[in-house]
């Protein structure tokens, strides 16, 4: 399974209609942003017109404020992070090292461009030549590993042209204190990727200004997600599963029968993510509503620990 969220294999394999699944295979917030008049206006959500220049500037200003982007740094909007990942090997020169992650997109992008990206063991940058670009995900997927800002800044400042530091902060919005953005200067050879849809629960819906500027919703949601992650941990540990990482949007567990666990939950209409490249690991997203949490608890309780 390349990404979470694709129910087609599960629907075909288990004969359960898509609408009857509880999809926990993603790291997307199960409580999508819905406050503000723009989101309550169905016409606003179905408007397919391209944004005019003023709307685009408003979006960029909202993003700059929401992500605490210093005034001398550039902000660029894109339809989705995947596009930016696919563009990178075509725009960059020199060698590139990828810190361990389960994202296949980076390796696939470099391969499609006829270039290589070497996986660099560990999180230290000292052994990498200064001209080598470094790509990492922070927090990482799926273990939630976080590299502190001081280490990242040091790694960035050790780069020499054409070397750059590229940090994918797709899951950082739920943990804003780890973002590298506020620490950057114009001379730092750093590119930060942000993913609007995961924290705001609006994957595939390309809007932004209202959600990015609603700081009250963001604060309340971070507290709610942290509480629900604790509830999920309690369920997982009570059934004998070992929680070894994750973020407030997903948890990572280890079990020798990972494929059997996925199959057991699937027979109960619950889809979780396992990894071909990391047997024994299972990533489980937040169920969301209390009824969904209870449905997951009951289904998991029937699995032999």
C-alpha atoms as a PDB file:
ATOM      1  CA  UNK A   1       0.000   0.000   0.000  1.00  0.00           C
ATOM      2  CA  UNK A   2       1.761   3.132  -1.236  1.00  0.00           C
ATOM      3  CA  UNK A   3      -0.221   5.706   0.730  1.00  0.00           C
ATOM      4  CA  UNK A   4      -2.907   5.572   3.366  1.00  0.00           C
ATOM      5  CA  UNK A   5      -6.441   6.433   2.331  1.00  0.00           C
ATOM      6  CA  UNK A   6      -6.823   4.167  -0.699  1.00  0.00           C
ATOM      7  CA  UNK A   7      -9.740   1.886   0.160  1.00  0.00           C
ATOM      8  CA  UNK A   8     -10.039   0.245  -3.234  1.00  0.00           C
ATOM      9  CA  UNK A   9      -7.892  -2.807  -2.400  1.00  0.00           C
ATOM     10  CA  UNK A  10      -9.812  -3.310   0.846  1.00  0.00           C
ATOM     11  CA  UNK A  11     -13.213  -2.962  -0.809  1.00  0.00           C
ATOM     12  CA  UNK A  12     -12.271  -5.496  -3.477  1.00  0.00           C
ATOM     13  CA  UNK A  13     -10.611  -7.953  -1.105  1.00  0.00           C
ATOM     14  CA  UNK A  14     -13.230  -7.980   1.655  1.00  0.00           C
ATOM     15  CA  UNK A  15     -16.446  -7.157  -0.194  1.00  0.00           C
ATOM     16  CA  UNK A  16     -17.350  -4.315   2.156  1.00  0.00           C
ATOM     17  CA  UNK A  17     -18.766  -1.142   0.597  1.00  0.00           C
ATOM     18  CA  UNK A  18     -16.513   1.905   0.825  1.00  0.00           C
ATOM     19  CA  UNK A  19     -19.003   3.858   2.927  1.00  0.00           C
ATOM     20  CA  UNK A  20     -19.029   1.117   5.582  1.00  0.00           C
ATOM     21  CA  UNK A  21     -15.294   1.280   6.294  1.00  0.00           C
ATOM     22  CA  UNK A  22     -13.614   3.019   9.211  1.00  0.00           C
ATOM     23  CA  UNK A  23     -10.476   4.223   7.469  1.00  0.00           C
ATOM     24  CA  UNK A  24      -7.596   4.559   9.930  1.00  0.00           C
ATOM     25  CA  UNK A  25      -4.896   4.173   7.289  1.00  0.00           C
ATOM     26  CA  UNK A  26      -4.198   7.900   6.971  1.00  0.00           C
ATOM     27  CA  UNK A  27      -2.560  10.508   9.164  1.00  0.00           C
ATOM     28  CA  UNK A  28      -5.311  13.020   8.423  1.00  0.00           C
ATOM     29  CA  UNK A  29      -7.230  14.785  11.176  1.00  0.00           C
ATOM     30  CA  UNK A  30     -10.646  13.054  11.502  1.00  0.00           C
ATOM     31  CA  UNK A  31     -12.147  16.380  12.635  1.00  0.00           C
ATOM     32  CA  UNK A  32     -11.938  18.627   9.553  1.00  0.00           C
ATOM     33  CA  UNK A  33     -11.953  22.372   9.864  1.00  0.00           C
ATOM     34  CA  UNK A  34     -15.548  23.609   9.597  1.00  0.00           C
ATOM     35  CA  UNK A  35     -15.632  26.961  11.407  1.00  0.00           C
ATOM     36  CA  UNK A  36     -16.112  30.275   9.675  1.00  0.00           C
ATOM     37  CA  UNK A  37     -18.678  31.369   7.110  1.00  0.00           C
ATOM     38  CA  UNK A  38     -16.640  30.191   4.114  1.00  0.00           C
ATOM     39  CA  UNK A  39     -16.785  26.552   5.226  1.00  0.00           C
ATOM     40  CA  UNK A  40     -20.484  26.696   6.085  1.00  0.00           C
ATOM     41  CA  UNK A  41     -21.219  28.052   2.620  1.00  0.00           C
ATOM     42  CA  UNK A  42     -21.585  25.042   0.340  1.00  0.00           C
ATOM     43  CA  UNK A  43     -21.155  27.272  -2.700  1.00  0.00           C
ATOM     44  CA  UNK A  44     -17.714  28.273  -1.453  1.00  0.00           C
ATOM     45  CA  UNK A  45     -16.680  24.637  -1.258  1.00  0.00           C
ATOM     46  CA  UNK A  46     -17.844  23.813  -4.780  1.00  0.00           C
ATOM     47  CA  UNK A  47     -16.563  26.982  -6.490  1.00  0.00           C
ATOM     48  CA  UNK A  48     -14.194  25.716  -9.200  1.00  0.00           C
ATOM     49  CA  UNK A  49     -12.966  29.099 -10.422  1.00  0.00           C
ATOM     50  CA  UNK A  50      -9.248  29.727 -10.309  1.00  0.00           C
ATOM     51  CA  UNK A  51      -8.227  32.194  -7.580  1.00  0.00           C
ATOM     52  CA  UNK A  52      -7.624  35.737  -8.756  1.00  0.00           C
ATOM     53  CA  UNK A  53      -4.323  37.486  -7.861  1.00  0.00           C
ATOM     54  CA  UNK A  54      -5.841  39.184  -4.815  1.00  0.00           C
ATOM     55  CA  UNK A  55      -7.093  35.856  -3.430  1.00  0.00           C
ATOM     56  CA  UNK A  56      -3.699  34.269  -3.981  1.00  0.00           C
ATOM     57  CA  UNK A  57      -1.944  37.097  -2.159  1.00  0.00           C
ATOM     58  CA  UNK A  58      -4.445  36.749   0.697  1.00  0.00           C
ATOM     59  CA  UNK A  59      -3.685  33.024   0.928  1.00  0.00           C
ATOM     60  CA  UNK A  60       0.069  33.606   0.940  1.00  0.00           C
ATOM     61  CA  UNK A  61      -0.290  36.254   3.641  1.00  0.00           C
ATOM     62  CA  UNK A  62      -2.372  33.865   5.754  1.00  0.00           C
ATOM     63  CA  UNK A  63       0.211  31.114   5.309  1.00  0.00           C
ATOM     64  CA  UNK A  64       3.071  33.462   6.188  1.00  0.00           C
ATOM     65  CA  UNK A  65       1.317  34.439   9.417  1.00  0.00           C
ATOM     66  CA  UNK A  66       0.172  30.914  10.333  1.00  0.00           C
ATOM     67  CA  UNK A  67       3.623  29.389   9.844  1.00  0.00           C
ATOM     68  CA  UNK A  68       5.571  32.339  11.311  1.00  0.00           C
ATOM     69  CA  UNK A  69       7.543  32.837   8.112  1.00  0.00           C
ATOM     70  CA  UNK A  70      10.194  35.578   8.445  1.00  0.00           C
ATOM     71  CA  UNK A  71       9.591  38.561   6.192  1.00  0.00           C
ATOM     72  CA  UNK A  72      12.702  37.991   4.072  1.00  0.00           C
ATOM     73  CA  UNK A  73      11.749  34.423   3.131  1.00  0.00           C
ATOM     74  CA  UNK A  74       9.704  33.445   0.088  1.00  0.00           C
ATOM     75  CA  UNK A  75       6.404  31.546   0.303  1.00  0.00           C
ATOM     76  CA  UNK A  76       5.119  29.510  -2.641  1.00  0.00           C
ATOM     77  CA  UNK A  77       1.679  27.866  -2.890  1.00  0.00           C
ATOM     78  CA  UNK A  78       1.246  24.570  -4.727  1.00  0.00           C
ATOM     79  CA  UNK A  79      -1.763  22.293  -5.326  1.00  0.00           C
ATOM     80  CA  UNK A  80      -0.230  19.562  -3.165  1.00  0.00           C
ATOM     81  CA  UNK A  81       3.031  18.506  -1.537  1.00  0.00           C
ATOM     82  CA  UNK A  82       3.388  15.532  -3.880  1.00  0.00           C
ATOM     83  CA  UNK A  83       3.901  17.878  -6.826  1.00  0.00           C
ATOM     84  CA  UNK A  84       6.717  19.670  -5.011  1.00  0.00           C
ATOM     85  CA  UNK A  85       8.368  16.351  -4.156  1.00  0.00           C
ATOM     86  CA  UNK A  86       8.231  15.241  -7.790  1.00  0.00           C
ATOM     87  CA  UNK A  87       9.766  18.526  -8.970  1.00  0.00           C
ATOM     88  CA  UNK A  88      12.764  18.505  -6.628  1.00  0.00           C
ATOM     89  CA  UNK A  89      15.126  16.148  -8.492  1.00  0.00           C
ATOM     90  CA  UNK A  90      14.588  18.119 -11.691  1.00  0.00           C
ATOM     91  CA  UNK A  91      15.494  21.400 -10.022  1.00  0.00           C
ATOM     92  CA  UNK A  92      18.424  20.250  -7.877  1.00  0.00           C
ATOM     93  CA  UNK A  93      21.939  19.239  -8.846  1.00  0.00           C
ATOM     94  CA  UNK A  94      24.536  17.189  -7.012  1.00  0.00           C
ATOM     95  CA  UNK A  95      24.118  14.241  -4.658  1.00  0.00           C
ATOM     96  CA  UNK A  96      21.113  13.847  -2.341  1.00  0.00           C
ATOM     97  CA  UNK A  97      20.770  11.879   0.900  1.00  0.00           C
ATOM     98  CA  UNK A  98      17.416  10.863   2.391  1.00  0.00           C
ATOM     99  CA  UNK A  99      17.055  10.240   6.110  1.00  0.00           C
ATOM    100  CA  UNK A 100      15.078   7.047   6.794  1.00  0.00           C
ATOM    101  CA  UNK A 101      11.332   7.398   6.214  1.00  0.00           C
ATOM    102  CA  UNK A 102       8.540   5.223   4.842  1.00  0.00           C
ATOM    103  CA  UNK A 103       7.605   7.822   2.232  1.00  0.00           C
ATOM    104  CA  UNK A 104       8.249   6.217  -1.139  1.00  0.00           C
ATOM    105  CA  UNK A 105       7.583   9.443  -3.022  1.00  0.00           C
ATOM    106  CA  UNK A 106      11.109  10.802  -2.620  1.00  0.00           C
ATOM    107  CA  UNK A 107      12.842   7.678  -3.874  1.00  0.00           C
ATOM    108  CA  UNK A 108      10.324   7.307  -6.692  1.00  0.00           C
ATOM    109  CA  UNK A 109      10.734  10.948  -7.716  1.00  0.00           C
ATOM    110  CA  UNK A 110      14.509  10.726  -7.944  1.00  0.00           C
ATOM    111  CA  UNK A 111      14.295   7.428  -9.799  1.00  0.00           C
ATOM    112  CA  UNK A 112      11.801   8.846 -12.308  1.00  0.00           C
ATOM    113  CA  UNK A 113      14.211  11.713 -12.952  1.00  0.00           C
ATOM    114  CA  UNK A 114      17.009   9.253 -13.650  1.00  0.00           C
ATOM    115  CA  UNK A 115      18.876  10.193 -10.492  1.00  0.00           C
ATOM    116  CA  UNK A 116      19.744   8.449  -7.247  1.00  0.00           C
ATOM    117  CA  UNK A 117      18.929   9.382  -3.679  1.00  0.00           C
ATOM    118  CA  UNK A 118      20.885   7.509  -1.035  1.00  0.00           C
ATOM    119  CA  UNK A 119      19.281   6.579   2.291  1.00  0.00           C
ATOM    120  CA  UNK A 120      21.501   7.874   5.094  1.00  0.00           C
ATOM    121  CA  UNK A 121      21.412   5.802   8.265  1.00  0.00           C
ATOM    122  CA  UNK A 122      20.734   7.727  11.472  1.00  0.00           C
ATOM    123  CA  UNK A 123      20.052  11.431  11.928  1.00  0.00           C
ATOM    124  CA  UNK A 124      23.602  12.807  12.049  1.00  0.00           C
ATOM    125  CA  UNK A 125      24.777  15.014   9.206  1.00  0.00           C
ATOM    126  CA  UNK A 126      28.468  15.119  10.037  1.00  0.00           C
ATOM    127  CA  UNK A 127      29.504  12.347   7.672  1.00  0.00           C
ATOM    128  CA  UNK A 128      27.747  13.837   4.655  1.00  0.00           C
ATOM    129  CA  UNK A 129      29.809  16.000   2.288  1.00  0.00           C
ATOM    130  CA  UNK A 130      28.814  19.691   2.450  1.00  0.00           C
ATOM    131  CA  UNK A 131      27.680  19.696  -1.189  1.00  0.00           C
ATOM    132  CA  UNK A 132      25.221  16.840  -0.588  1.00  0.00           C
ATOM    133  CA  UNK A 133      21.593  17.833  -0.187  1.00  0.00           C
ATOM    134  CA  UNK A 134      19.692  16.332   2.745  1.00  0.00           C
ATOM    135  CA  UNK A 135      16.004  15.376   2.654  1.00  0.00           C
ATOM    136  CA  UNK A 136      14.101  14.453   5.806  1.00  0.00           C
ATOM    137  CA  UNK A 137      10.574  14.278   7.215  1.00  0.00           C
ATOM    138  CA  UNK A 138      10.014  15.965  10.585  1.00  0.00           C
ATOM    139  CA  UNK A 139       8.080  14.561  12.439  1.00  0.00           C
ATOM    140  CA  UNK A 140       8.940  11.420  10.565  1.00  0.00           C
ATOM    141  CA  UNK A 141       6.443   8.973   9.124  1.00  0.00           C
ATOM    142  CA  UNK A 142       5.542   6.556  10.644  1.00  0.00           C
ATOM    143  CA  UNK A 143       7.621   6.583  13.853  1.00  0.00           C
ATOM    144  CA  UNK A 144       7.134  10.260  14.750  1.00  0.00           C
ATOM    145  CA  UNK A 145      10.882  10.825  15.132  1.00  0.00           C
ATOM    146  CA  UNK A 146      11.660  14.503  15.700  1.00  0.00           C
ATOM    147  CA  UNK A 147      15.003  16.154  14.984  1.00  0.00           C
ATOM    148  CA  UNK A 148      15.459  19.262  17.112  1.00  0.00           C
ATOM    149  CA  UNK A 149      15.708  22.677  15.497  1.00  0.00           C
ATOM    150  CA  UNK A 150      19.272  23.302  16.665  1.00  0.00           C
ATOM    151  CA  UNK A 151      20.483  20.158  14.917  1.00  0.00           C
ATOM    152  CA  UNK A 152      18.602  21.055  11.751  1.00  0.00           C
ATOM    153  CA  UNK A 153      19.992  24.586  11.656  1.00  0.00           C
ATOM    154  CA  UNK A 154      23.507  23.234  12.108  1.00  0.00           C
ATOM    155  CA  UNK A 155      22.896  20.764   9.289  1.00  0.00           C
ATOM    156  CA  UNK A 156      21.590  23.534   7.034  1.00  0.00           C
ATOM    157  CA  UNK A 157      24.492  25.852   7.755  1.00  0.00           C
ATOM    158  CA  UNK A 158      26.961  23.068   6.977  1.00  0.00           C
ATOM    159  CA  UNK A 159      25.630  22.790   3.410  1.00  0.00           C
ATOM    160  CA  UNK A 160      27.545  24.314   0.528  1.00  0.00           C
ATOM    161  CA  UNK A 161      26.241  24.849  -3.013  1.00  0.00           C
ATOM    162  CA  UNK A 162      24.606  22.935  -4.538  1.00  0.00           C
ATOM    163  CA  UNK A 163      23.731  21.269  -1.214  1.00  0.00           C
ATOM    164  CA  UNK A 164      20.439  22.103   0.481  1.00  0.00           C
ATOM    165  CA  UNK A 165      18.399  20.934   3.454  1.00  0.00           C
ATOM    166  CA  UNK A 166      14.829  19.969   2.570  1.00  0.00           C
ATOM    167  CA  UNK A 167      12.504  19.407   5.523  1.00  0.00           C
ATOM    168  CA  UNK A 168       9.062  17.906   4.944  1.00  0.00           C
ATOM    169  CA  UNK A 169       6.880  19.209   7.803  1.00  0.00           C
ATOM    170  CA  UNK A 170       3.680  17.515   6.655  1.00  0.00           C
ATOM    171  CA  UNK A 171       2.810  16.473  10.220  1.00  0.00           C
ATOM    172  CA  UNK A 172       4.292  19.448  12.065  1.00  0.00           C
ATOM    173  CA  UNK A 173       1.176  21.624  12.301  1.00  0.00           C
ATOM    174  CA  UNK A 174      -0.064  19.620  15.279  1.00  0.00           C
ATOM    175  CA  UNK A 175       3.306  20.265  16.950  1.00  0.00           C
ATOM    176  CA  UNK A 176       4.188  23.852  15.890  1.00  0.00           C
ATOM    177  CA  UNK A 177       7.077  24.137  18.320  1.00  0.00           C
ATOM    178  CA  UNK A 178       9.226  21.816  16.215  1.00  0.00           C
ATOM    179  CA  UNK A 179       8.897  23.763  12.955  1.00  0.00           C
ATOM    180  CA  UNK A 180      12.160  25.095  11.579  1.00  0.00           C
ATOM    181  CA  UNK A 181      10.508  27.948   9.680  1.00  0.00           C
ATOM    182  CA  UNK A 182      10.791  30.734  12.300  1.00  0.00           C
ATOM    183  CA  UNK A 183      14.541  30.097  12.735  1.00  0.00           C
ATOM    184  CA  UNK A 184      15.466  30.525   9.086  1.00  0.00           C
ATOM    185  CA  UNK A 185      17.288  33.380   7.430  1.00  0.00           C
ATOM    186  CA  UNK A 186      17.384  34.346   3.766  1.00  0.00           C
ATOM    187  CA  UNK A 187      20.896  32.945   3.372  1.00  0.00           C
ATOM    188  CA  UNK A 188      20.040  29.488   4.733  1.00  0.00           C
ATOM    189  CA  UNK A 189      19.919  26.856   1.948  1.00  0.00           C
ATOM    190  CA  UNK A 190      16.666  25.358   3.225  1.00  0.00           C
ATOM    191  CA  UNK A 191      13.338  24.390   1.669  1.00  0.00           C
ATOM    192  CA  UNK A 192      10.400  23.617   3.988  1.00  0.00           C
ATOM    193  CA  UNK A 193       7.362  21.693   2.726  1.00  0.00           C
ATOM    194  CA  UNK A 194       4.059  22.156   4.571  1.00  0.00           C
ATOM    195  CA  UNK A 195       0.898  20.088   4.095  1.00  0.00           C
ATOM    196  CA  UNK A 196      -2.276  22.031   4.760  1.00  0.00           C
ATOM    197  CA  UNK A 197      -4.685  19.114   4.529  1.00  0.00           C
ATOM    198  CA  UNK A 198      -3.431  16.771   7.246  1.00  0.00           C
ATOM    199  CA  UNK A 199      -3.868  18.916  10.356  1.00  0.00           C
ATOM    200  CA  UNK A 200      -6.976  20.707   9.093  1.00  0.00           C
ATOM    201  CA  UNK A 201      -8.521  17.419   7.966  1.00  0.00           C
ATOM    202  CA  UNK A 202      -9.161  18.677   4.449  1.00  0.00           C
ATOM    203  CA  UNK A 203      -7.001  16.490   2.222  1.00  0.00           C
ATOM    204  CA  UNK A 204      -7.940  17.044  -1.403  1.00  0.00           C
ATOM    205  CA  UNK A 205      -9.722  20.323  -0.657  1.00  0.00           C
ATOM    206  CA  UNK A 206      -7.487  23.180  -1.707  1.00  0.00           C
ATOM    207  CA  UNK A 207      -8.696  26.110   0.365  1.00  0.00           C
ATOM    208  CA  UNK A 208      -6.719  27.882   3.004  1.00  0.00           C
ATOM    209  CA  UNK A 209      -7.226  31.420   4.266  1.00  0.00           C
ATOM    210  CA  UNK A 210     -10.054  30.856   6.752  1.00  0.00           C
ATOM    211  CA  UNK A 211      -8.478  27.733   8.254  1.00  0.00           C
ATOM    212  CA  UNK A 212      -4.987  29.217   8.479  1.00  0.00           C
ATOM    213  CA  UNK A 213      -6.176  32.331  10.281  1.00  0.00           C
ATOM    214  CA  UNK A 214      -8.501  30.620  12.786  1.00  0.00           C
ATOM    215  CA  UNK A 215      -5.983  30.298  15.612  1.00  0.00           C
ATOM    216  CA  UNK A 216      -8.691  29.519  18.151  1.00  0.00           C
ATOM    217  CA  UNK A 217      -9.743  26.418  16.238  1.00  0.00           C
ATOM    218  CA  UNK A 218      -6.115  25.392  15.867  1.00  0.00           C
ATOM    219  CA  UNK A 219      -5.400  25.677  19.603  1.00  0.00           C
ATOM    220  CA  UNK A 220      -8.516  23.732  20.583  1.00  0.00           C
ATOM    221  CA  UNK A 221      -7.856  21.091  17.947  1.00  0.00           C
ATOM    222  CA  UNK A 222      -4.283  20.457  19.136  1.00  0.00           C
ATOM    223  CA  UNK A 223      -5.610  19.806  22.648  1.00  0.00           C
ATOM    224  CA  UNK A 224      -8.381  17.558  21.328  1.00  0.00           C
ATOM    225  CA  UNK A 225      -6.001  15.546  19.172  1.00  0.00           C
ATOM    226  CA  UNK A 226      -3.581  15.057  22.055  1.00  0.00           C
ATOM    227  CA  UNK A 227      -6.437  13.785  24.244  1.00  0.00           C
ATOM    228  CA  UNK A 228      -7.679  11.387  21.577  1.00  0.00           C
ATOM    229  CA  UNK A 229      -4.149  10.108  20.952  1.00  0.00           C
ATOM    230  CA  UNK A 230      -3.929   9.245  24.661  1.00  0.00           C
ATOM    231  CA  UNK A 231      -7.251   7.406  24.439  1.00  0.00           C
ATOM    232  CA  UNK A 232      -6.005   5.463  21.432  1.00  0.00           C
ATOM    233  CA  UNK A 233      -2.781   4.587  23.267  1.00  0.00           C
ATOM    234  CA  UNK A 234      -4.797   3.224  26.179  1.00  0.00           C
ATOM    235  CA  UNK A 235      -6.770   0.959  23.846  1.00  0.00           C
ATOM    236  CA  UNK A 236      -3.669  -0.259  22.057  1.00  0.00           C
ATOM    237  CA  UNK A 237      -1.663  -1.022  25.179  1.00  0.00           C
ATOM    238  CA  UNK A 238      -4.604  -2.661  26.933  1.00  0.00           C
ATOM    239  CA  UNK A 239      -4.750  -5.233  24.140  1.00  0.00           C
ATOM    240  CA  UNK A 240      -1.035  -5.984  24.298  1.00  0.00           C
ATOM    241  CA  UNK A 241       0.177  -3.885  21.373  1.00  0.00           C
ATOM    242  CA  UNK A 242       3.477  -2.027  21.717  1.00  0.00           C
ATOM    243  CA  UNK A 243       3.235   1.653  20.813  1.00  0.00           C
ATOM    244  CA  UNK A 244       6.656   2.656  19.525  1.00  0.00           C
ATOM    245  CA  UNK A 245       6.037   6.069  17.970  1.00  0.00           C
ATOM    246  CA  UNK A 246       3.756   8.378  16.070  1.00  0.00           C
ATOM    247  CA  UNK A 247       2.271  11.856  16.352  1.00  0.00           C
ATOM    248  CA  UNK A 248      -1.094  13.044  17.649  1.00  0.00           C
ATOM    249  CA  UNK A 249      -2.509  12.255  14.195  1.00  0.00           C
ATOM    250  CA  UNK A 250      -1.402   8.612  14.132  1.00  0.00           C
ATOM    251  CA  UNK A 251       0.241   5.960  16.285  1.00  0.00           C
ATOM    252  CA  UNK A 252       2.794   3.364  15.253  1.00  0.00           C
ATOM    253  CA  UNK A 253       2.671  -0.085  16.842  1.00  0.00           C
ATOM    254  CA  UNK A 254       4.890  -3.118  16.512  1.00  0.00           C
ATOM    255  CA  UNK A 255       3.524  -6.643  16.299  1.00  0.00           C
ATOM    256  CA  UNK A 256       5.028  -9.804  14.776  1.00  0.00           C
ATOM    257  CA  UNK A 257       1.682 -10.516  13.113  1.00  0.00           C
ATOM    258  CA  UNK A 258       1.189  -7.120  11.532  1.00  0.00           C
ATOM    259  CA  UNK A 259      -0.390  -8.489   8.345  1.00  0.00           C
ATOM    260  CA  UNK A 260      -2.717 -10.717  10.384  1.00  0.00           C
ATOM    261  CA  UNK A 261      -3.704  -7.724  12.499  1.00  0.00           C
ATOM    262  CA  UNK A 262      -4.533  -5.704   9.395  1.00  0.00           C
ATOM    263  CA  UNK A 263      -6.575  -8.631   8.068  1.00  0.00           C
ATOM    264  CA  UNK A 264      -8.444  -9.071  11.365  1.00  0.00           C
ATOM    265  CA  UNK A 265      -9.411  -5.405  11.510  1.00  0.00           C
ATOM    266  CA  UNK A 266     -10.316  -5.397   7.815  1.00  0.00           C
ATOM    267  CA  UNK A 267     -12.792  -8.215   8.391  1.00  0.00           C
ATOM    268  CA  UNK A 268     -14.440  -5.799  10.817  1.00  0.00           C
ATOM    269  CA  UNK A 269     -14.484  -3.002   8.265  1.00  0.00           C
ATOM    270  CA  UNK A 270     -11.477  -1.151   9.709  1.00  0.00           C
ATOM    271  CA  UNK A 271      -8.504  -0.342   7.492  1.00  0.00           C
ATOM    272  CA  UNK A 272      -5.032   0.335   8.908  1.00  0.00           C
ATOM    273  CA  UNK A 273      -1.683   0.687   7.191  1.00  0.00           C
ATOM    274  CA  UNK A 274       1.166  -1.816   7.126  1.00  0.00           C
ATOM    275  CA  UNK A 275       4.501  -1.448   5.334  1.00  0.00           C
ATOM    276  CA  UNK A 276       6.087  -3.820   2.852  1.00  0.00           C
ATOM    277  CA  UNK A 277       9.485  -2.301   3.626  1.00  0.00           C
ATOM    278  CA  UNK A 278       9.018  -2.547   7.402  1.00  0.00           C
ATOM    279  CA  UNK A 279       7.289  -5.831   8.335  1.00  0.00           C
ATOM    280  CA  UNK A 280       5.958  -5.873  11.869  1.00  0.00           C
ATOM    281  CA  UNK A 281       4.840  -2.247  11.919  1.00  0.00           C
ATOM    282  CA  UNK A 282       1.260  -0.980  11.792  1.00  0.00           C
ATOM    283  CA  UNK A 283       0.228   2.675  11.551  1.00  0.00           C
ATOM    284  CA  UNK A 284      -3.168   3.541  12.989  1.00  0.00           C
ATOM    285  CA  UNK A 285      -4.877   6.890  12.548  1.00  0.00           C
ATOM    286  CA  UNK A 286      -7.244   8.482  15.052  1.00  0.00           C
ATOM    287  CA  UNK A 287     -10.772   7.016  14.916  1.00  0.00           C
ATOM    288  CA  UNK A 288     -12.300  10.424  15.652  1.00  0.00           C
ATOM    289  CA  UNK A 289     -15.827  10.191  17.027  1.00  0.00           C
ATOM    290  CA  UNK A 290     -16.496   8.215  20.272  1.00  0.00           C
ATOM    291  CA  UNK A 291     -18.534   5.639  18.355  1.00  0.00           C
ATOM    292  CA  UNK A 292     -15.633   5.056  15.980  1.00  0.00           C
ATOM    293  CA  UNK A 293     -13.207   4.760  18.887  1.00  0.00           C
ATOM    294  CA  UNK A 294     -15.486   2.171  20.512  1.00  0.00           C
ATOM    295  CA  UNK A 295     -15.853   0.289  17.224  1.00  0.00           C
ATOM    296  CA  UNK A 296     -12.088   0.075  16.951  1.00  0.00           C
ATOM    297  CA  UNK A 297     -11.701  -1.009  20.590  1.00  0.00           C
ATOM    298  CA  UNK A 298     -14.184  -3.838  20.178  1.00  0.00           C
ATOM    299  CA  UNK A 299     -12.665  -5.056  16.925  1.00  0.00           C
ATOM    300  CA  UNK A 300      -9.145  -4.947  18.331  1.00  0.00           C
ATOM    301  CA  UNK A 301     -10.234  -6.818  21.434  1.00  0.00           C
ATOM    302  CA  UNK A 302     -10.934  -9.886  19.354  1.00  0.00           C
ATOM    303  CA  UNK A 303      -7.376 -10.124  18.059  1.00  0.00           C
ATOM    304  CA  UNK A 304      -5.037 -12.600  19.799  1.00  0.00           C
ATOM    305  CA  UNK A 305      -2.208 -10.587  21.379  1.00  0.00           C
END
